[in-house]
Amino acid sequence: MNIQQLKILQLDRYDIEELVGLSAFAGIVQHEFEINELVTPEWLSDTQKKLANEIRAKARDQLEAELKKALSRREALKTATEQRAETDAKIAALQKRLA
């Protein structure tokens, strides 16, 4: 990792693991600025915020994909009777709305 990667950050090029690594590197760079009593550059603060937001977004996307997979699996495990009952309930609700 290098400073140039942080300065010209292209979020769409990285997966979540790489983003976490870049975020850690950015934190180290910021810490070095502080240790040396230097003003942290604005671009570094902005980059850290962007990285944090992107990591949260990608983590959420992963959780949503896992949830979708689990829901699909649960749906596949339903018996024909359960599926029929859900379909009948949906039909009744739609007919009621159309009445």
PDB file of N, CA and C in Angstrom:
ATOM      1  N   MET A   1       0.846  -1.171   0.000  1.00  0.00           N
ATOM      2  CA  MET A   1       0.000   0.000   0.000  1.00  0.00           C
ATOM      3  C   MET A   1       0.893   1.237   0.000  1.00  0.00           C
ATOM      4  N   ASN A   2       0.394   2.249  -0.674  1.00  0.00           N
ATOM      5  CA  ASN A   2       1.160   3.491  -0.680  1.00  0.00           C
ATOM      6  C   ASN A   2       0.218   4.693  -0.633  1.00  0.00           C
ATOM      7  N   ILE A   3       0.818   5.831  -0.387  1.00  0.00           N
ATOM      8  CA  ILE A   3       0.049   7.077  -0.259  1.00  0.00           C
ATOM      9  C   ILE A   3      -0.747   7.371  -1.528  1.00  0.00           C
ATOM     10  N   GLN A   4      -0.179   7.060  -2.681  1.00  0.00           N
ATOM     11  CA  GLN A   4      -0.854   7.362  -3.949  1.00  0.00           C
ATOM     12  C   GLN A   4      -2.189   6.630  -4.046  1.00  0.00           C
ATOM     13  N   GLN A   5      -2.256   5.400  -3.546  1.00  0.00           N
ATOM     14  CA  GLN A   5      -3.519   4.654  -3.560  1.00  0.00           C
ATOM     15  C   GLN A   5      -4.588   5.378  -2.738  1.00  0.00           C
ATOM     16  N   LEU A   6      -4.169   5.999  -1.656  1.00  0.00           N
ATOM     17  CA  LEU A   6      -5.120   6.734  -0.823  1.00  0.00           C
ATOM     18  C   LEU A   6      -5.528   8.050  -1.473  1.00  0.00           C
ATOM     19  N   LYS A   7      -4.578   8.699  -2.135  1.00  0.00           N
ATOM     20  CA  LYS A   7      -4.865  10.003  -2.739  1.00  0.00           C
ATOM     21  C   LYS A   7      -5.808   9.888  -3.933  1.00  0.00           C
ATOM     22  N   ILE A   8      -5.642   8.852  -4.722  1.00  0.00           N
ATOM     23  CA  ILE A   8      -6.493   8.689  -5.917  1.00  0.00           C
ATOM     24  C   ILE A   8      -7.399   7.471  -5.748  1.00  0.00           C
ATOM     25  N   LEU A   9      -8.052   7.413  -4.634  1.00  0.00           N
ATOM     26  CA  LEU A   9      -8.887   6.277  -4.257  1.00  0.00           C
ATOM     27  C   LEU A   9     -10.010   6.043  -5.266  1.00  0.00           C
ATOM     28  N   GLN A  10     -10.045   4.823  -5.787  1.00  0.00           N
ATOM     29  CA  GLN A  10     -11.119   4.401  -6.683  1.00  0.00           C
ATOM     30  C   GLN A  10     -11.808   3.212  -6.012  1.00  0.00           C
ATOM     31  N   LEU A  11     -12.838   3.517  -5.272  1.00  0.00           N
ATOM     32  CA  LEU A  11     -13.491   2.531  -4.411  1.00  0.00           C
ATOM     33  C   LEU A  11     -13.982   1.296  -5.155  1.00  0.00           C
ATOM     34  N   ASP A  12     -14.452   1.469  -6.365  1.00  0.00           N
ATOM     35  CA  ASP A  12     -15.039   0.348  -7.102  1.00  0.00           C
ATOM     36  C   ASP A  12     -14.003  -0.695  -7.534  1.00  0.00           C
ATOM     37  N   ARG A  13     -12.737  -0.378  -7.386  1.00  0.00           N
ATOM     38  CA  ARG A  13     -11.679  -1.310  -7.785  1.00  0.00           C
ATOM     39  C   ARG A  13     -11.324  -2.315  -6.694  1.00  0.00           C
ATOM     40  N   TYR A  14     -11.836  -2.115  -5.494  1.00  0.00           N
ATOM     41  CA  TYR A  14     -11.403  -2.918  -4.359  1.00  0.00           C
ATOM     42  C   TYR A  14     -12.542  -3.738  -3.761  1.00  0.00           C
ATOM     43  N   ASP A  15     -12.166  -4.945  -3.289  1.00  0.00           N
ATOM     44  CA  ASP A  15     -13.140  -5.723  -2.533  1.00  0.00           C
ATOM     45  C   ASP A  15     -13.040  -5.305  -1.063  1.00  0.00           C
ATOM     46  N   ILE A  16     -13.884  -5.886  -0.229  1.00  0.00           N
ATOM     47  CA  ILE A  16     -13.971  -5.434   1.160  1.00  0.00           C
ATOM     48  C   ILE A  16     -12.654  -5.663   1.921  1.00  0.00           C
ATOM     49  N   GLU A  17     -11.970  -6.763   1.625  1.00  0.00           N
ATOM     50  CA  GLU A  17     -10.707  -7.027   2.314  1.00  0.00           C
ATOM     51  C   GLU A  17      -9.664  -5.959   1.986  1.00  0.00           C
ATOM     52  N   GLU A  18      -9.597  -5.586   0.722  1.00  0.00           N
ATOM     53  CA  GLU A  18      -8.642  -4.550   0.312  1.00  0.00           C
ATOM     54  C   GLU A  18      -9.019  -3.197   0.914  1.00  0.00           C
ATOM     55  N   LEU A  19     -10.315  -2.923   0.989  1.00  0.00           N
ATOM     56  CA  LEU A  19     -10.766  -1.665   1.588  1.00  0.00           C
ATOM     57  C   LEU A  19     -10.388  -1.596   3.067  1.00  0.00           C
ATOM     58  N   VAL A  20     -10.526  -2.716   3.767  1.00  0.00           N
ATOM     59  CA  VAL A  20     -10.145  -2.750   5.180  1.00  0.00           C
ATOM     60  C   VAL A  20      -8.641  -2.498   5.313  1.00  0.00           C
ATOM     61  N   GLY A  21      -7.862  -3.099   4.430  1.00  0.00           N
ATOM     62  CA  GLY A  21      -6.416  -2.880   4.440  1.00  0.00           C
ATOM     63  C   GLY A  21      -6.063  -1.427   4.180  1.00  0.00           C
ATOM     64  N   LEU A  22      -6.727  -0.826   3.197  1.00  0.00           N
ATOM     65  CA  LEU A  22      -6.489   0.594   2.901  1.00  0.00           C
ATOM     66  C   LEU A  22      -6.887   1.472   4.075  1.00  0.00           C
ATOM     67  N   SER A  23      -7.979   1.117   4.726  1.00  0.00           N
ATOM     68  CA  SER A  23      -8.428   1.882   5.882  1.00  0.00           C
ATOM     69  C   SER A  23      -7.409   1.790   7.014  1.00  0.00           C
ATOM     70  N   ALA A  24      -6.893   0.594   7.236  1.00  0.00           N
ATOM     71  CA  ALA A  24      -5.871   0.413   8.275  1.00  0.00           C
ATOM     72  C   ALA A  24      -4.624   1.224   7.936  1.00  0.00           C
ATOM     73  N   PHE A  25      -4.222   1.181   6.679  1.00  0.00           N
ATOM     74  CA  PHE A  25      -3.055   1.948   6.248  1.00  0.00           C
ATOM     75  C   PHE A  25      -3.295   3.445   6.435  1.00  0.00           C
ATOM     76  N   ALA A  26      -4.484   3.905   6.080  1.00  0.00           N
ATOM     77  CA  ALA A  26      -4.821   5.323   6.257  1.00  0.00           C
ATOM     78  C   ALA A  26      -4.753   5.710   7.732  1.00  0.00           C
ATOM     79  N   GLY A  27      -5.197   4.825   8.601  1.00  0.00           N
ATOM     80  CA  GLY A  27      -5.129   5.084  10.041  1.00  0.00           C
ATOM     81  C   GLY A  27      -3.685   5.194  10.518  1.00  0.00           C
ATOM     82  N   ILE A  28      -2.825   4.334   9.990  1.00  0.00           N
ATOM     83  CA  ILE A  28      -1.400   4.396  10.351  1.00  0.00           C
ATOM     84  C   ILE A  28      -0.791   5.707   9.878  1.00  0.00           C
ATOM     85  N   VAL A  29      -1.119   6.098   8.656  1.00  0.00           N
ATOM     86  CA  VAL A  29      -0.598   7.358   8.112  1.00  0.00           C
ATOM     87  C   VAL A  29      -1.067   8.522   8.971  1.00  0.00           C
ATOM     88  N   GLN A  30      -2.346   8.529   9.331  1.00  0.00           N
ATOM     89  CA  GLN A  30      -2.868   9.603  10.170  1.00  0.00           C
ATOM     90  C   GLN A  30      -2.134   9.623  11.514  1.00  0.00           C
ATOM     91  N   HIS A  31      -1.939   8.455  12.080  1.00  0.00           N
ATOM     92  CA  HIS A  31      -1.239   8.353  13.361  1.00  0.00           C
ATOM     93  C   HIS A  31       0.179   8.930  13.257  1.00  0.00           C
ATOM     94  N   GLU A  32       0.845   8.660  12.165  1.00  0.00           N
ATOM     95  CA  GLU A  32       2.197   9.200  11.958  1.00  0.00           C
ATOM     96  C   GLU A  32       2.188  10.723  11.874  1.00  0.00           C
ATOM     97  N   PHE A  33       1.164  11.276  11.221  1.00  0.00           N
ATOM     98  CA  PHE A  33       1.042  12.736  11.179  1.00  0.00           C
ATOM     99  C   PHE A  33       0.903  13.278  12.597  1.00  0.00           C
ATOM    100  N   GLU A  34       0.073  12.624  13.396  1.00  0.00           N
ATOM    101  CA  GLU A  34      -0.158  13.079  14.764  1.00  0.00           C
ATOM    102  C   GLU A  34       1.091  12.940  15.631  1.00  0.00           C
ATOM    103  N   ILE A  35       1.789  11.815  15.520  1.00  0.00           N
ATOM    104  CA  ILE A  35       3.009  11.601  16.300  1.00  0.00           C
ATOM    105  C   ILE A  35       4.051  12.684  15.997  1.00  0.00           C
ATOM    106  N   ASN A  36       4.125  13.055  14.729  1.00  0.00           N
ATOM    107  CA  ASN A  36       5.103  14.054  14.301  1.00  0.00           C
ATOM    108  C   ASN A  36       4.579  15.480  14.420  1.00  0.00           C
ATOM    109  N   GLU A  37       3.418  15.603  15.074  1.00  0.00           N
ATOM    110  CA  GLU A  37       2.792  16.901  15.321  1.00  0.00           C
ATOM    111  C   GLU A  37       2.593  17.696  14.033  1.00  0.00           C
ATOM    112  N   LEU A  38       2.116  16.976  13.006  1.00  0.00           N
ATOM    113  CA  LEU A  38       1.809  17.598  11.722  1.00  0.00           C
ATOM    114  C   LEU A  38       0.290  17.651  11.554  1.00  0.00           C
ATOM    115  N   VAL A  39      -0.148  18.593  10.783  1.00  0.00           N
ATOM    116  CA  VAL A  39      -1.579  18.701  10.493  1.00  0.00           C
ATOM    117  C   VAL A  39      -1.954  17.595   9.514  1.00  0.00           C
ATOM    118  N   THR A  40      -2.985  16.850   9.863  1.00  0.00           N
ATOM    119  CA  THR A  40      -3.457  15.790   8.967  1.00  0.00           C
ATOM    120  C   THR A  40      -4.067  16.432   7.726  1.00  0.00           C
ATOM    121  N   PRO A  41      -3.601  16.016   6.540  1.00  0.00           N
ATOM    122  CA  PRO A  41      -4.148  16.595   5.309  1.00  0.00           C
ATOM    123  C   PRO A  41      -5.650  16.307   5.171  1.00  0.00           C
ATOM    124  N   GLU A  42      -6.338  17.252   4.588  1.00  0.00           N
ATOM    125  CA  GLU A  42      -7.786  17.095   4.415  1.00  0.00           C
ATOM    126  C   GLU A  42      -8.114  15.888   3.549  1.00  0.00           C
ATOM    127  N   TRP A  43      -7.297  15.640   2.532  1.00  0.00           N
ATOM    128  CA  TRP A  43      -7.566  14.502   1.651  1.00  0.00           C
ATOM    129  C   TRP A  43      -7.535  13.184   2.427  1.00  0.00           C
ATOM    130  N   LEU A  44      -6.674  13.107   3.450  1.00  0.00           N
ATOM    131  CA  LEU A  44      -6.579  11.882   4.232  1.00  0.00           C
ATOM    132  C   LEU A  44      -7.845  11.672   5.067  1.00  0.00           C
ATOM    133  N   SER A  45      -8.321  12.735   5.684  1.00  0.00           N
ATOM    134  CA  SER A  45      -9.571  12.634   6.458  1.00  0.00           C
ATOM    135  C   SER A  45     -10.735  12.258   5.555  1.00  0.00           C
ATOM    136  N   ASP A  46     -10.802  12.881   4.382  1.00  0.00           N
ATOM    137  CA  ASP A  46     -11.866  12.564   3.427  1.00  0.00           C
ATOM    138  C   ASP A  46     -11.789  11.110   2.978  1.00  0.00           C
ATOM    139  N   THR A  47     -10.582  10.659   2.713  1.00  0.00           N
ATOM    140  CA  THR A  47     -10.381   9.276   2.275  1.00  0.00           C
ATOM    141  C   THR A  47     -10.818   8.290   3.348  1.00  0.00           C
ATOM    142  N   GLN A  48     -10.485   8.588   4.594  1.00  0.00           N
ATOM    143  CA  GLN A  48     -10.889   7.699   5.688  1.00  0.00           C
ATOM    144  C   GLN A  48     -12.402   7.620   5.802  1.00  0.00           C
ATOM    145  N   LYS A  49     -13.082   8.746   5.632  1.00  0.00           N
ATOM    146  CA  LYS A  49     -14.553   8.742   5.686  1.00  0.00           C
ATOM    147  C   LYS A  49     -15.131   7.927   4.532  1.00  0.00           C
ATOM    148  N   LYS A  50     -14.569   8.124   3.329  1.00  0.00           N
ATOM    149  CA  LYS A  50     -15.047   7.372   2.161  1.00  0.00           C
ATOM    150  C   LYS A  50     -14.831   5.876   2.350  1.00  0.00           C
ATOM    151  N   LEU A  51     -13.667   5.520   2.865  1.00  0.00           N
ATOM    152  CA  LEU A  51     -13.374   4.103   3.101  1.00  0.00           C
ATOM    153  C   LEU A  51     -14.340   3.506   4.122  1.00  0.00           C
ATOM    154  N   ALA A  52     -14.570   4.210   5.203  1.00  0.00           N
ATOM    155  CA  ALA A  52     -15.481   3.717   6.241  1.00  0.00           C
ATOM    156  C   ALA A  52     -16.884   3.522   5.670  1.00  0.00           C
ATOM    157  N   ASN A  53     -17.349   4.476   4.885  1.00  0.00           N
ATOM    158  CA  ASN A  53     -18.682   4.372   4.284  1.00  0.00           C
ATOM    159  C   ASN A  53     -18.765   3.192   3.320  1.00  0.00           C
ATOM    160  N   GLU A  54     -17.725   3.021   2.507  1.00  0.00           N
ATOM    161  CA  GLU A  54     -17.725   1.931   1.523  1.00  0.00           C
ATOM    162  C   GLU A  54     -17.642   0.571   2.214  1.00  0.00           C
ATOM    163  N   ILE A  55     -16.863   0.480   3.269  1.00  0.00           N
ATOM    164  CA  ILE A  55     -16.769  -0.776   4.021  1.00  0.00           C
ATOM    165  C   ILE A  55     -18.128  -1.127   4.621  1.00  0.00           C
ATOM    166  N   ARG A  56     -18.797  -0.133   5.203  1.00  0.00           N
ATOM    167  CA  ARG A  56     -20.134  -0.377   5.765  1.00  0.00           C
ATOM    168  C   ARG A  56     -21.106  -0.825   4.670  1.00  0.00           C
ATOM    169  N   ALA A  57     -21.049  -0.164   3.511  1.00  0.00           N
ATOM    170  CA  ALA A  57     -21.963  -0.501   2.413  1.00  0.00           C
ATOM    171  C   ALA A  57     -21.711  -1.921   1.903  1.00  0.00           C
ATOM    172  N   LYS A  58     -20.445  -2.273   1.729  1.00  0.00           N
ATOM    173  CA  LYS A  58     -20.130  -3.618   1.238  1.00  0.00           C
ATOM    174  C   LYS A  58     -20.477  -4.684   2.282  1.00  0.00           C
ATOM    175  N   ALA A  59     -20.268  -4.379   3.555  1.00  0.00           N
ATOM    176  CA  ALA A  59     -20.630  -5.318   4.616  1.00  0.00           C
ATOM    177  C   ALA A  59     -22.141  -5.531   4.613  1.00  0.00           C
ATOM    178  N   ARG A  60     -22.887  -4.451   4.434  1.00  0.00           N
ATOM    179  CA  ARG A  60     -24.345  -4.558   4.374  1.00  0.00           C
ATOM    180  C   ARG A  60     -24.775  -5.382   3.163  1.00  0.00           C
ATOM    181  N   ASP A  61     -24.125  -5.154   2.032  1.00  0.00           N
ATOM    182  CA  ASP A  61     -24.438  -5.936   0.832  1.00  0.00           C
ATOM    183  C   ASP A  61     -24.205  -7.420   1.076  1.00  0.00           C
ATOM    184  N   GLN A  62     -23.117  -7.746   1.767  1.00  0.00           N
ATOM    185  CA  GLN A  62     -22.828  -9.148   2.078  1.00  0.00           C
ATOM    186  C   GLN A  62     -23.910  -9.737   2.976  1.00  0.00           C
ATOM    187  N   LEU A  63     -24.327  -8.979   3.985  1.00  0.00           N
ATOM    188  CA  LEU A  63     -25.372  -9.460   4.889  1.00  0.00           C
ATOM    189  C   LEU A  63     -26.692  -9.657   4.155  1.00  0.00           C
ATOM    190  N   GLU A  64     -27.022  -8.724   3.262  1.00  0.00           N
ATOM    191  CA  GLU A  64     -28.260  -8.851   2.494  1.00  0.00           C
ATOM    192  C   GLU A  64     -28.213 -10.084   1.591  1.00  0.00           C
ATOM    193  N   ALA A  65     -27.062 -10.368   1.002  1.00  0.00           N
ATOM    194  CA  ALA A  65     -26.919 -11.551   0.150  1.00  0.00           C
ATOM    195  C   ALA A  65     -27.075 -12.826   0.982  1.00  0.00           C
ATOM    196  N   GLU A  66     -26.500 -12.837   2.172  1.00  0.00           N
ATOM    197  CA  GLU A  66     -26.642 -13.999   3.059  1.00  0.00           C
ATOM    198  C   GLU A  66     -28.096 -14.194   3.467  1.00  0.00           C
ATOM    199  N   LEU A  67     -28.772 -13.081   3.783  1.00  0.00           N
ATOM    200  CA  LEU A  67     -30.180 -13.161   4.163  1.00  0.00           C
ATOM    201  C   LEU A  67     -31.017 -13.700   3.013  1.00  0.00           C
ATOM    202  N   LYS A  68     -30.774 -13.197   1.815  1.00  0.00           N
ATOM    203  CA  LYS A  68     -31.525 -13.647   0.643  1.00  0.00           C
ATOM    204  C   LYS A  68     -31.316 -15.148   0.429  1.00  0.00           C
ATOM    205  N   LYS A  69     -30.086 -15.605   0.594  1.00  0.00           N
ATOM    206  CA  LYS A  69     -29.775 -17.025   0.431  1.00  0.00           C
ATOM    207  C   LYS A  69     -30.496 -17.860   1.492  1.00  0.00           C
ATOM    208  N   ALA A  70     -30.492 -17.385   2.734  1.00  0.00           N
ATOM    209  CA  ALA A  70     -31.152 -18.103   3.820  1.00  0.00           C
ATOM    210  C   ALA A  70     -32.662 -18.147   3.607  1.00  0.00           C
ATOM    211  N   LEU A  71     -33.237 -17.033   3.174  1.00  0.00           N
ATOM    212  CA  LEU A  71     -34.684 -16.995   2.910  1.00  0.00           C
ATOM    213  C   LEU A  71     -35.051 -17.940   1.769  1.00  0.00           C
ATOM    214  N   SER A  72     -34.209 -17.965   0.749  1.00  0.00           N
ATOM    215  CA  SER A  72     -34.454 -18.854  -0.380  1.00  0.00           C
ATOM    216  C   SER A  72     -34.379 -20.311   0.055  1.00  0.00           C
ATOM    217  N   ARG A  73     -33.404 -20.601   0.882  1.00  0.00           N
ATOM    218  CA  ARG A  73     -33.269 -21.976   1.381  1.00  0.00           C
ATOM    219  C   ARG A  73     -34.473 -22.371   2.230  1.00  0.00           C
ATOM    220  N   ARG A  74     -34.894 -21.438   3.094  1.00  0.00           N
ATOM    221  CA  ARG A  74     -36.071 -21.734   3.931  1.00  0.00           C
ATOM    222  C   ARG A  74     -37.299 -21.955   3.064  1.00  0.00           C
ATOM    223  N   GLU A  75     -37.462 -21.140   2.032  1.00  0.00           N
ATOM    224  CA  GLU A  75     -38.606 -21.274   1.133  1.00  0.00           C
ATOM    225  C   GLU A  75     -38.590 -22.651   0.459  1.00  0.00           C
ATOM    226  N   ALA A  76     -37.410 -23.105   0.082  1.00  0.00           N
ATOM    227  CA  ALA A  76     -37.286 -24.406  -0.581  1.00  0.00           C
ATOM    228  C   ALA A  76     -37.626 -25.561   0.361  1.00  0.00           C
ATOM    229  N   LEU A  77     -37.502 -25.338   1.652  1.00  0.00           N
ATOM    230  CA  LEU A  77     -37.774 -26.392   2.623  1.00  0.00           C
ATOM    231  C   LEU A  77     -39.250 -26.502   3.002  1.00  0.00           C
ATOM    232  N   LYS A  78     -40.062 -25.560   2.547  1.00  0.00           N
ATOM    233  CA  LYS A  78     -41.490 -25.597   2.886  1.00  0.00           C
ATOM    234  C   LYS A  78     -42.175 -26.771   2.195  1.00  0.00           C
ATOM    235  N   THR A  79     -43.147 -27.308   2.890  1.00  0.00           N
ATOM    236  CA  THR A  79     -43.937 -28.401   2.310  1.00  0.00           C
ATOM    237  C   THR A  79     -44.923 -27.819   1.307  1.00  0.00           C
ATOM    238  N   ALA A  80     -45.472 -28.693   0.488  1.00  0.00           N
ATOM    239  CA  ALA A  80     -46.473 -28.269  -0.490  1.00  0.00           C
ATOM    240  C   ALA A  80     -47.685 -27.666   0.219  1.00  0.00           C
ATOM    241  N   THR A  81     -48.045 -28.221   1.364  1.00  0.00           N
ATOM    242  CA  THR A  81     -49.185 -27.715   2.136  1.00  0.00           C
ATOM    243  C   THR A  81     -48.921 -26.285   2.606  1.00  0.00           C
ATOM    244  N   GLU A  82     -47.728 -26.036   3.100  1.00  0.00           N
ATOM    245  CA  GLU A  82     -47.368 -24.677   3.552  1.00  0.00           C
ATOM    246  C   GLU A  82     -47.382 -23.692   2.384  1.00  0.00           C
ATOM    247  N   GLN A  83     -46.829 -24.114   1.245  1.00  0.00           N
ATOM    248  CA  GLN A  83     -46.809 -23.244   0.068  1.00  0.00           C
ATOM    249  C   GLN A  83     -48.222 -22.953  -0.419  1.00  0.00           C
ATOM    250  N   ARG A  84     -49.079 -23.985  -0.410  1.00  0.00           N
ATOM    251  CA  ARG A  84     -50.468 -23.821  -0.836  1.00  0.00           C
ATOM    252  C   ARG A  84     -51.197 -22.854   0.098  1.00  0.00           C
ATOM    253  N   ALA A  85     -50.980 -22.981   1.400  1.00  0.00           N
ATOM    254  CA  ALA A  85     -51.639 -22.105   2.375  1.00  0.00           C
ATOM    255  C   ALA A  85     -51.205 -20.648   2.171  1.00  0.00           C
ATOM    256  N   GLU A  86     -49.933 -20.428   1.931  1.00  0.00           N
ATOM    257  CA  GLU A  86     -49.456 -19.055   1.686  1.00  0.00           C
ATOM    258  C   GLU A  86     -50.052 -18.491   0.405  1.00  0.00           C
ATOM    259  N   THR A  87     -50.108 -19.321  -0.627  1.00  0.00           N
ATOM    260  CA  THR A  87     -50.677 -18.879  -1.901  1.00  0.00           C
ATOM    261  C   THR A  87     -52.167 -18.584  -1.746  1.00  0.00           C
ATOM    262  N   ASP A  88     -52.878 -19.436  -1.037  1.00  0.00           N
ATOM    263  CA  ASP A  88     -54.310 -19.209  -0.798  1.00  0.00           C
ATOM    264  C   ASP A  88     -54.532 -17.903  -0.036  1.00  0.00           C
ATOM    265  N   ALA A  89     -53.685 -17.634   0.959  1.00  0.00           N
ATOM    266  CA  ALA A  89     -53.813 -16.399   1.731  1.00  0.00           C
ATOM    267  C   ALA A  89     -53.555 -15.182   0.848  1.00  0.00           C
ATOM    268  N   LYS A  90     -52.570 -15.288  -0.021  1.00  0.00           N
ATOM    269  CA  LYS A  90     -52.258 -14.173  -0.917  1.00  0.00           C
ATOM    270  C   LYS A  90     -53.407 -13.945  -1.905  1.00  0.00           C
ATOM    271  N   ILE A  91     -53.950 -15.026  -2.446  1.00  0.00           N
ATOM    272  CA  ILE A  91     -55.093 -14.921  -3.373  1.00  0.00           C
ATOM    273  C   ILE A  91     -56.272 -14.254  -2.679  1.00  0.00           C
ATOM    274  N   ALA A  92     -56.574 -14.683  -1.453  1.00  0.00           N
ATOM    275  CA  ALA A  92     -57.699 -14.110  -0.704  1.00  0.00           C
ATOM    276  C   ALA A  92     -57.476 -12.620  -0.453  1.00  0.00           C
ATOM    277  N   ALA A  93     -56.251 -12.246  -0.114  1.00  0.00           N
ATOM    278  CA  ALA A  93     -55.952 -10.835   0.142  1.00  0.00           C
ATOM    279  C   ALA A  93     -56.110 -10.018  -1.133  1.00  0.00           C
ATOM    280  N   LEU A  94     -55.655 -10.538  -2.256  1.00  0.00           N
ATOM    281  CA  LEU A  94     -55.794  -9.829  -3.520  1.00  0.00           C
ATOM    282  C   LEU A  94     -57.251  -9.715  -3.954  1.00  0.00           C
ATOM    283  N   GLN A  95     -58.018 -10.794  -3.773  1.00  0.00           N
ATOM    284  CA  GLN A  95     -59.435 -10.754  -4.123  1.00  0.00           C
ATOM    285  C   GLN A  95     -60.179  -9.746  -3.258  1.00  0.00           C
ATOM    286  N   LYS A  96     -59.812  -9.666  -1.978  1.00  0.00           N
ATOM    287  CA  LYS A  96     -60.438  -8.702  -1.081  1.00  0.00           C
ATOM    288  C   LYS A  96     -60.157  -7.276  -1.539  1.00  0.00           C
ATOM    289  N   ARG A  97     -58.926  -7.021  -1.953  1.00  0.00           N
ATOM    290  CA  ARG A  97     -58.562  -5.684  -2.413  1.00  0.00           C
ATOM    291  C   ARG A  97     -59.278  -5.308  -3.711  1.00  0.00           C
ATOM    292  N   LEU A  98     -59.551  -6.313  -4.534  1.00  0.00           N
ATOM    293  CA  LEU A  98     -60.217  -6.057  -5.809  1.00  0.00           C
ATOM    294  C   LEU A  98     -61.726  -5.948  -5.674  1.00  0.00           C
ATOM    295  N   ALA A  99     -62.272  -6.410  -4.559  1.00  0.00           N
ATOM    296  CA  ALA A  99     -63.727  -6.405  -4.360  1.00  0.00           C
ATOM    297  C   ALA A  99     -64.269  -5.014  -4.165  1.00  0.00           C
TER     298      ALA A  99
END
